[in-house]
Protein backbone atom coordinates (compact mmCIF):
# COMPACT_ATOMS: atom_id res chain seq x y z
CA MET A 1 -49.69 34.74 -83.70
CA ARG A 2 -50.51 33.56 -80.20
CA GLU A 3 -50.45 29.82 -79.57
CA TYR A 4 -53.17 28.17 -77.53
CA ARG A 5 -52.09 25.01 -75.73
CA PHE A 6 -54.45 22.32 -74.52
CA ARG A 7 -54.34 18.88 -72.98
CA ILE A 8 -56.78 16.07 -72.26
CA PHE A 9 -56.54 13.09 -69.92
CA HIS A 10 -57.65 9.88 -71.62
CA GLU A 11 -57.08 6.23 -70.73
CA GLY A 12 -54.46 7.05 -68.11
CA ARG A 13 -52.39 9.45 -70.22
CA MET A 14 -52.16 13.16 -70.96
CA PHE A 15 -52.34 14.23 -74.59
CA TYR A 16 -51.11 17.68 -75.61
CA LYS A 17 -52.00 19.85 -78.60
CA THR A 18 -51.12 23.36 -79.73
CA LEU A 19 -53.69 25.34 -81.65
CA THR A 20 -52.08 27.88 -83.95
CA GLY A 21 -55.07 29.03 -85.92
CA ILE A 22 -58.83 29.28 -86.03
CA TYR A 23 -60.77 29.88 -89.20
CA TRP A 24 -64.32 31.02 -89.77
CA GLU A 25 -66.74 29.41 -92.19
CA THR A 26 -69.23 31.53 -94.11
CA SER A 27 -71.89 30.42 -91.62
CA LYS A 28 -69.83 32.23 -88.94
CA LYS A 29 -69.08 29.01 -87.08
CA CYS A 30 -65.66 28.59 -85.54
CA LYS A 31 -63.57 25.62 -86.71
CA THR A 32 -60.43 24.32 -85.07
CA SER A 33 -59.69 21.45 -87.46
CA GLY A 34 -60.20 18.70 -84.90
CA LEU A 35 -58.20 19.79 -81.89
CA PHE A 36 -58.17 16.24 -80.50
CA LYS A 37 -59.16 13.19 -82.48
CA ALA A 38 -61.22 10.85 -80.32
CA SER A 39 -64.01 8.39 -80.85
CA SER A 40 -67.59 9.57 -80.52
CA GLN A 41 -67.84 8.09 -77.03
CA ASP A 42 -64.91 10.24 -75.89
CA ASN A 43 -66.38 13.59 -76.94
CA GLN A 44 -67.04 14.52 -73.29
CA LEU A 45 -63.38 14.48 -72.26
CA PRO A 46 -62.45 17.64 -70.35
CA ILE A 47 -60.07 19.89 -72.26
CA MET A 48 -57.58 21.74 -70.06
CA GLU A 49 -55.87 24.92 -71.21
CA PHE A 50 -52.35 26.14 -70.47
CA THR A 51 -52.49 29.23 -68.21
CA GLY A 52 -49.44 30.89 -69.77
CA MET A 53 -47.60 30.67 -66.44
CA LYS A 54 -44.82 28.42 -65.15
CA ASP A 55 -44.15 27.27 -61.60
CA ILE A 56 -40.97 27.86 -59.56
CA ASN A 57 -39.34 24.88 -61.29
CA GLY A 58 -40.18 26.05 -64.82
CA ILE A 59 -43.07 23.55 -65.21
CA LYS A 60 -46.08 24.79 -67.21
CA ILE A 61 -49.19 25.41 -65.09
CA TRP A 62 -52.35 23.96 -66.64
CA GLU A 63 -56.02 24.17 -65.79
CA GLY A 64 -56.65 21.14 -63.55
CA ASP A 65 -53.20 21.21 -61.94
CA ILE A 66 -52.78 20.79 -58.21
CA VAL A 67 -50.28 23.29 -56.86
CA LYS A 68 -48.64 24.25 -53.60
CA ASP A 69 -48.53 28.00 -52.93
CA ASP A 70 -45.71 29.90 -51.22
CA ASN A 71 -47.46 29.41 -47.85
CA GLY A 72 -47.40 25.61 -48.25
CA CYS A 73 -51.15 25.36 -48.91
CA ILE A 74 -52.44 23.06 -51.63
CA GLY A 75 -55.02 24.14 -54.19
CA GLU A 76 -56.33 23.64 -57.69
CA ILE A 77 -56.02 25.74 -60.83
CA GLU A 78 -59.39 26.28 -62.53
CA TYR A 79 -60.90 28.53 -65.16
CA ASP A 80 -63.70 30.77 -63.88
CA ASN A 81 -66.15 31.60 -66.66
CA GLU A 82 -67.74 34.44 -64.66
CA ILE A 83 -64.54 36.48 -64.54
CA ALA A 84 -62.95 34.94 -67.68
CA ALA A 85 -59.71 34.13 -65.90
CA PHE A 86 -57.68 31.30 -64.44
CA VAL A 87 -57.94 31.12 -60.65
CA TYR A 88 -56.15 29.40 -57.79
CA LYS A 89 -58.54 27.78 -55.31
CA PRO A 90 -56.91 26.70 -52.03
CA LEU A 91 -58.42 23.50 -50.63
CA SER A 92 -58.29 24.96 -47.11
CA ASP A 93 -61.05 27.52 -47.71
CA LYS A 94 -63.67 28.64 -50.23
CA THR A 95 -61.76 31.60 -51.66
CA GLN A 96 -60.27 31.91 -55.11
CA HIS A 97 -57.51 34.12 -56.42
CA ASN A 98 -57.16 35.41 -59.97
CA LEU A 99 -53.78 34.23 -61.27
CA PHE A 100 -53.10 37.49 -63.07
CA LEU A 101 -54.76 40.31 -61.10
CA GLY A 102 -53.79 41.14 -57.55
CA ASN A 103 -52.68 37.61 -56.73
CA LYS A 104 -51.14 37.62 -53.26
CA PHE A 105 -49.21 34.44 -54.02
CA THR A 106 -45.90 34.86 -55.77
CA CYS A 107 -44.82 31.26 -56.24
CA PHE A 108 -46.56 28.04 -57.13
CA GLU A 109 -45.20 24.53 -57.44
CA VAL A 110 -47.08 21.99 -59.55
CA ILE A 111 -47.40 18.81 -57.49
CA GLY A 112 -49.93 16.92 -59.61
CA ASN A 113 -53.24 17.17 -61.43
CA ILE A 114 -56.86 16.34 -60.64
CA HIS A 115 -56.94 13.35 -62.98
CA GLN A 116 -53.81 11.48 -61.91
CA ASP A 117 -53.40 12.64 -58.30
CA GLU A 118 -56.90 12.80 -56.82
CA ASN A 119 -55.49 11.87 -53.42
CA LEU A 120 -53.79 15.29 -53.22
CA THR A 121 -57.16 17.06 -53.24
CA GLN A 122 -58.47 15.20 -50.19
CA LYS A 123 -58.51 16.96 -46.82
CA GLY A 124 -55.39 16.26 -44.83
CA ALA A 125 -53.27 15.59 -47.91
């Protein structure tokens, strides 16, 4: 069975969880058995999913990571709901590149994430 890996950023730390199963109730609602336990005020925390890819150093690439491509440009990994795929969005322009289909970049290096390294996403970084 495929494993789904997630993380959240909360109170200055990353928390990781692997989801190994989903079950369906008779009402046809999906249950995940409490992927992350958090107080009711924390229910708006962004959940980031593992892309299934690793960078040139063997580090897992997650949604929300800041990466450097093989041209030295910095960008962000996001999930695009319209195409149902993870994409790389360089900060230098408004384009995006599907990580799995026809990606012209062959190597990425994770250099941070949007929650702990916001300074990397600023122009001139």
